[in-house]
Amino acid sequence: MAYRATSTPRPRLACPCSSGGVIWMTAVILWARAGHVNEKNSLPVEMVGLYWHFVDLVWVVLFTVIYLI
């Protein structure tokens, strides 16, 4: 029972970051398929990639701190 009480809030924290990233990536993919991305206008693709890797890094650190330490 104590484990369930301490582990319940964590999935709620992951959902907005992951869902937002997936929605943003989907929008950028659709935008790129429509032909709006070229060499001069590639910043949205780079930004969504940086965001996704940042979220990934944060969750690796949080997992390590919360579950392993």
C-alpha atoms as a PDB file:
ATOM      1  CA  MET A   1       0.000   0.000   0.000  1.00  0.00           C
ATOM      2  CA  ALA A   2       2.801   2.455   0.804  1.00  0.00           C
ATOM      3  CA  TYR A   3       4.457   1.794  -2.553  1.00  0.00           C
ATOM      4  CA  ARG A   4       1.256   2.592  -4.427  1.00  0.00           C
ATOM      5  CA  ALA A   5       0.787   5.810  -2.482  1.00  0.00           C
ATOM      6  CA  THR A   6       4.286   7.030  -3.349  1.00  0.00           C
ATOM      7  CA  SER A   7       4.304   5.927  -7.001  1.00  0.00           C
ATOM      8  CA  THR A   8       0.915   7.278  -8.112  1.00  0.00           C
ATOM      9  CA  PRO A   9       1.849  10.925  -9.001  1.00  0.00           C
ATOM     10  CA  ARG A  10       4.810  10.091 -11.253  1.00  0.00           C
ATOM     11  CA  PRO A  11       2.901   8.934 -14.358  1.00  0.00           C
ATOM     12  CA  ARG A  12       0.781  12.088 -14.179  1.00  0.00           C
ATOM     13  CA  LEU A  13       3.949  14.169 -14.519  1.00  0.00           C
ATOM     14  CA  ALA A  14       5.119  12.305 -17.614  1.00  0.00           C
ATOM     15  CA  CYS A  15       1.920  12.647 -19.581  1.00  0.00           C
ATOM     16  CA  PRO A  16       1.942  16.399 -20.423  1.00  0.00           C
ATOM     17  CA  CYS A  17       5.598  16.392 -21.465  1.00  0.00           C
ATOM     18  CA  SER A  18       5.327  13.255 -23.586  1.00  0.00           C
ATOM     19  CA  SER A  19       1.930  14.085 -25.063  1.00  0.00           C
ATOM     20  CA  GLY A  20       2.992  17.616 -25.882  1.00  0.00           C
ATOM     21  CA  GLY A  21       6.136  16.329 -27.570  1.00  0.00           C
ATOM     22  CA  VAL A  22       4.231  13.774 -29.641  1.00  0.00           C
ATOM     23  CA  ILE A  23       1.667  16.374 -30.712  1.00  0.00           C
ATOM     24  CA  TRP A  24       4.427  18.843 -31.597  1.00  0.00           C
ATOM     25  CA  MET A  25       6.365  16.197 -33.566  1.00  0.00           C
ATOM     26  CA  THR A  26       3.225  15.183 -35.441  1.00  0.00           C
ATOM     27  CA  ALA A  27       2.542  18.807 -36.366  1.00  0.00           C
ATOM     28  CA  VAL A  28       6.129  19.292 -37.585  1.00  0.00           C
ATOM     29  CA  ILE A  29       5.996  16.055 -39.606  1.00  0.00           C
ATOM     30  CA  LEU A  30       2.753  17.131 -41.273  1.00  0.00           C
ATOM     31  CA  TRP A  31       4.218  20.574 -41.885  1.00  0.00           C
ATOM     32  CA  ALA A  32       7.324  19.019 -43.450  1.00  0.00           C
ATOM     33  CA  ARG A  33       5.262  16.701 -45.663  1.00  0.00           C
ATOM     34  CA  ALA A  34       3.367  19.727 -46.923  1.00  0.00           C
ATOM     35  CA  GLY A  35       6.693  21.084 -48.193  1.00  0.00           C
ATOM     36  CA  HIS A  36       7.174  23.908 -45.703  1.00  0.00           C
ATOM     37  CA  VAL A  37      10.582  22.718 -44.463  1.00  0.00           C
ATOM     38  CA  ASN A  38      13.712  23.463 -46.451  1.00  0.00           C
ATOM     39  CA  GLU A  39      17.340  24.345 -45.720  1.00  0.00           C
ATOM     40  CA  LYS A  40      16.461  27.907 -44.761  1.00  0.00           C
ATOM     41  CA  ASN A  41      13.429  26.969 -42.680  1.00  0.00           C
ATOM     42  CA  SER A  42      14.508  23.937 -40.638  1.00  0.00           C
ATOM     43  CA  LEU A  43      14.364  25.523 -37.173  1.00  0.00           C
ATOM     44  CA  PRO A  44      11.047  23.868 -36.133  1.00  0.00           C
ATOM     45  CA  VAL A  45      12.510  20.424 -36.835  1.00  0.00           C
ATOM     46  CA  GLU A  46      15.624  21.216 -34.819  1.00  0.00           C
ATOM     47  CA  MET A  47      13.607  22.679 -31.937  1.00  0.00           C
ATOM     48  CA  VAL A  48      11.288  19.683 -31.640  1.00  0.00           C
ATOM     49  CA  GLY A  49      14.322  17.379 -31.687  1.00  0.00           C
ATOM     50  CA  LEU A  50      16.034  19.372 -28.936  1.00  0.00           C
ATOM     51  CA  TYR A  51      12.843  19.387 -26.875  1.00  0.00           C
ATOM     52  CA  TRP A  52      12.375  15.637 -27.223  1.00  0.00           C
ATOM     53  CA  HIS A  53      15.965  14.890 -26.211  1.00  0.00           C
ATOM     54  CA  PHE A  54      15.675  17.295 -23.269  1.00  0.00           C
ATOM     55  CA  VAL A  55      12.533  15.503 -22.026  1.00  0.00           C
ATOM     56  CA  ASP A  56      14.282  12.164 -22.514  1.00  0.00           C
ATOM     57  CA  LEU A  57      17.301  13.313 -20.507  1.00  0.00           C
ATOM     58  CA  VAL A  58      15.134  14.719 -17.708  1.00  0.00           C
ATOM     59  CA  TRP A  59      13.244  11.439 -17.368  1.00  0.00           C
ATOM     60  CA  VAL A  60      16.455   9.386 -17.331  1.00  0.00           C
ATOM     61  CA  VAL A  61      17.715  11.557 -14.461  1.00  0.00           C
ATOM     62  CA  LEU A  62      14.373  11.441 -12.625  1.00  0.00           C
ATOM     63  CA  PHE A  63      14.142   7.667 -13.004  1.00  0.00           C
ATOM     64  CA  THR A  64      17.648   7.277 -11.615  1.00  0.00           C
ATOM     65  CA  VAL A  65      17.016   9.576  -8.661  1.00  0.00           C
ATOM     66  CA  ILE A  66      13.535   8.289  -7.804  1.00  0.00           C
ATOM     67  CA  TYR A  67      13.855   4.561  -8.397  1.00  0.00           C
ATOM     68  CA  LEU A  68      17.532   3.684  -8.093  1.00  0.00           C
ATOM     69  CA  ILE A  69      18.799   5.992  -5.360  1.00  0.00           C
END
